[in-house]
Amino acid sequence: MINTKEEWNTFIGKIKNDPEYNENIDFDEKYTFIAVTMGENQTKGYSIEIKEVYAFKDYVKLYVIQEIPCAGFDYETQITRPFHIIKIAKTYKTIRR
């Protein structure tokens, strides 16, 4: 969960060293940003996406789809760091996957 500019900078610093990702994000009282990641992978073929968000009384539940390469398939070697970021109405509830 990302609610402040400092949390955003920390997150982006971990996944991409590019200053443009730190610009034009308004962390007002309207939105919370949620990010899911798959870490670093050695080949193409990985992806992650938040498909649904369900709000409950005490928490927010995410429905997340992860794709991984098929065993035995020859994917191009390339470092990848799949991630997906969404914006929801401001919340301080626990986020669950």
C-alpha atoms as a PDB file:
ATOM      1  CA  MET A   1       0.000   0.000   0.000  1.00  0.00           C
ATOM      2  CA  ILE A   2       1.385   3.398  -0.989  1.00  0.00           C
ATOM      3  CA  ASN A   3      -0.114   6.481   0.652  1.00  0.00           C
ATOM      4  CA  THR A   4       2.758   8.993   0.594  1.00  0.00           C
ATOM      5  CA  LYS A   5       5.393  10.365  -1.761  1.00  0.00           C
ATOM      6  CA  GLU A   6       8.106   8.804   0.439  1.00  0.00           C
ATOM      7  CA  GLU A   7       6.507   5.336   0.176  1.00  0.00           C
ATOM      8  CA  TRP A   8       6.228   5.815  -3.602  1.00  0.00           C
ATOM      9  CA  ASN A   9       9.894   6.781  -3.920  1.00  0.00           C
ATOM     10  CA  THR A  10      10.952   3.775  -1.834  1.00  0.00           C
ATOM     11  CA  PHE A  11       8.874   1.412  -3.983  1.00  0.00           C
ATOM     12  CA  ILE A  12       9.998   2.851  -7.314  1.00  0.00           C
ATOM     13  CA  GLY A  13      13.619   2.875  -6.158  1.00  0.00           C
ATOM     14  CA  LYS A  14      13.376  -0.886  -5.668  1.00  0.00           C
ATOM     15  CA  ILE A  15      11.922  -1.678  -9.084  1.00  0.00           C
ATOM     16  CA  LYS A  16      13.206   0.959 -11.446  1.00  0.00           C
ATOM     17  CA  ASN A  17      15.968   3.509 -11.193  1.00  0.00           C
ATOM     18  CA  ASP A  18      14.323   6.168 -13.338  1.00  0.00           C
ATOM     19  CA  PRO A  19      13.489   9.685 -12.059  1.00  0.00           C
ATOM     20  CA  GLU A  20      10.426  10.062 -14.314  1.00  0.00           C
ATOM     21  CA  TYR A  21       8.581   7.569 -12.109  1.00  0.00           C
ATOM     22  CA  ASN A  22       8.847  10.006  -9.195  1.00  0.00           C
ATOM     23  CA  GLU A  23       7.076  12.866 -10.965  1.00  0.00           C
ATOM     24  CA  ASN A  24       3.453  13.984 -11.141  1.00  0.00           C
ATOM     25  CA  ILE A  25       2.038  11.718  -8.443  1.00  0.00           C
ATOM     26  CA  ASP A  26      -0.442  13.521  -6.200  1.00  0.00           C
ATOM     27  CA  PHE A  27      -0.647  11.842  -2.805  1.00  0.00           C
ATOM     28  CA  ASP A  28      -3.615  13.775  -1.527  1.00  0.00           C
ATOM     29  CA  GLU A  29      -6.340  12.392   0.699  1.00  0.00           C
ATOM     30  CA  LYS A  30      -8.276  10.898  -2.230  1.00  0.00           C
ATOM     31  CA  TYR A  31      -6.220   7.874  -3.285  1.00  0.00           C
ATOM     32  CA  THR A  32      -4.182   4.911  -2.120  1.00  0.00           C
ATOM     33  CA  PHE A  33      -1.853   3.182  -4.565  1.00  0.00           C
ATOM     34  CA  ILE A  34      -1.448  -0.592  -4.399  1.00  0.00           C
ATOM     35  CA  ALA A  35       1.500  -2.362  -6.015  1.00  0.00           C
ATOM     36  CA  VAL A  36       2.119  -6.070  -6.556  1.00  0.00           C
ATOM     37  CA  THR A  37       5.452  -7.418  -7.779  1.00  0.00           C
ATOM     38  CA  MET A  38       7.089 -10.685  -8.797  1.00  0.00           C
ATOM     39  CA  GLY A  39      10.663  -9.769  -7.968  1.00  0.00           C
ATOM     40  CA  GLU A  40      13.494 -10.221 -10.443  1.00  0.00           C
ATOM     41  CA  ASN A  41      13.323 -12.928 -13.108  1.00  0.00           C
ATOM     42  CA  GLN A  42      15.957 -14.073 -15.583  1.00  0.00           C
ATOM     43  CA  THR A  43      13.717 -14.453 -18.659  1.00  0.00           C
ATOM     44  CA  LYS A  44      10.721 -12.912 -20.360  1.00  0.00           C
ATOM     45  CA  GLY A  45       7.328 -14.565 -19.920  1.00  0.00           C
ATOM     46  CA  TYR A  46       6.433 -13.388 -16.395  1.00  0.00           C
ATOM     47  CA  SER A  47       3.560 -11.039 -15.608  1.00  0.00           C
ATOM     48  CA  ILE A  48       1.365  -9.982 -12.714  1.00  0.00           C
ATOM     49  CA  GLU A  49      -1.929  -8.091 -12.661  1.00  0.00           C
ATOM     50  CA  ILE A  50      -4.488  -7.028 -10.075  1.00  0.00           C
ATOM     51  CA  LYS A  51      -7.765  -8.144 -11.675  1.00  0.00           C
ATOM     52  CA  GLU A  52     -10.277  -7.339  -8.925  1.00  0.00           C
ATOM     53  CA  VAL A  53     -10.424  -5.381  -5.679  1.00  0.00           C
ATOM     54  CA  TYR A  54     -12.957  -6.309  -2.986  1.00  0.00           C
ATOM     55  CA  ALA A  55     -13.564  -3.976  -0.026  1.00  0.00           C
ATOM     56  CA  PHE A  56     -14.636  -5.601   3.233  1.00  0.00           C
ATOM     57  CA  LYS A  57     -15.329  -4.028   6.616  1.00  0.00           C
ATOM     58  CA  ASP A  58     -11.791  -4.487   7.998  1.00  0.00           C
ATOM     59  CA  TYR A  59      -9.648  -5.168   4.931  1.00  0.00           C
ATOM     60  CA  VAL A  60      -9.275  -4.958   1.157  1.00  0.00           C
ATOM     61  CA  LYS A  61      -8.876  -8.220  -0.786  1.00  0.00           C
ATOM     62  CA  LEU A  62      -7.027  -8.366  -4.112  1.00  0.00           C
ATOM     63  CA  TYR A  63      -7.562 -10.947  -6.827  1.00  0.00           C
ATOM     64  CA  VAL A  64      -4.141 -11.179  -8.490  1.00  0.00           C
ATOM     65  CA  ILE A  65      -3.178 -13.178 -11.589  1.00  0.00           C
ATOM     66  CA  GLN A  66       0.458 -14.237 -12.047  1.00  0.00           C
ATOM     67  CA  GLU A  67       1.784 -15.756 -15.239  1.00  0.00           C
ATOM     68  CA  ILE A  68       5.008 -17.741 -15.419  1.00  0.00           C
ATOM     69  CA  PRO A  69       6.779 -19.271 -18.424  1.00  0.00           C
ATOM     70  CA  CYS A  70       5.829 -22.786 -19.492  1.00  0.00           C
ATOM     71  CA  ALA A  71       8.369 -25.421 -18.537  1.00  0.00           C
ATOM     72  CA  GLY A  72      10.579 -26.394 -21.443  1.00  0.00           C
ATOM     73  CA  PHE A  73       9.755 -23.339 -23.557  1.00  0.00           C
ATOM     74  CA  ASP A  74      12.793 -21.332 -24.652  1.00  0.00           C
ATOM     75  CA  TYR A  75      12.171 -17.738 -23.554  1.00  0.00           C
ATOM     76  CA  GLU A  76      14.568 -14.914 -24.369  1.00  0.00           C
ATOM     77  CA  THR A  77      17.024 -14.252 -21.556  1.00  0.00           C
ATOM     78  CA  GLN A  78      16.343 -10.810 -20.145  1.00  0.00           C
ATOM     79  CA  ILE A  79      16.092  -9.511 -16.599  1.00  0.00           C
ATOM     80  CA  THR A  80      12.449  -8.627 -15.877  1.00  0.00           C
ATOM     81  CA  ARG A  81      10.767  -7.198 -12.779  1.00  0.00           C
ATOM     82  CA  PRO A  82       7.012  -7.509 -13.380  1.00  0.00           C
ATOM     83  CA  PHE A  83       4.747  -5.227 -11.370  1.00  0.00           C
ATOM     84  CA  HIS A  84       1.274  -3.744 -11.501  1.00  0.00           C
ATOM     85  CA  ILE A  85       0.094  -0.587  -9.744  1.00  0.00           C
ATOM     86  CA  ILE A  86      -3.499   0.502  -9.230  1.00  0.00           C
ATOM     87  CA  LYS A  87      -5.147   3.522  -7.626  1.00  0.00           C
ATOM     88  CA  ILE A  88      -8.154   3.130  -5.322  1.00  0.00           C
ATOM     89  CA  ALA A  89     -10.108   5.426  -3.011  1.00  0.00           C
ATOM     90  CA  LYS A  90      -8.010   6.304   0.059  1.00  0.00           C
ATOM     91  CA  THR A  91      -7.924   3.508   2.626  1.00  0.00           C
ATOM     92  CA  TYR A  92      -5.928   2.566   5.675  1.00  0.00           C
ATOM     93  CA  LYS A  93      -7.346  -0.961   5.803  1.00  0.00           C
ATOM     94  CA  THR A  94      -5.086  -4.014   5.606  1.00  0.00           C
ATOM     95  CA  ILE A  95      -4.490  -5.211   2.041  1.00  0.00           C
ATOM     96  CA  ARG A  96      -4.739  -8.993   1.472  1.00  0.00           C
ATOM     97  CA  ARG A  97      -3.939 -11.097  -1.567  1.00  0.00           C
END
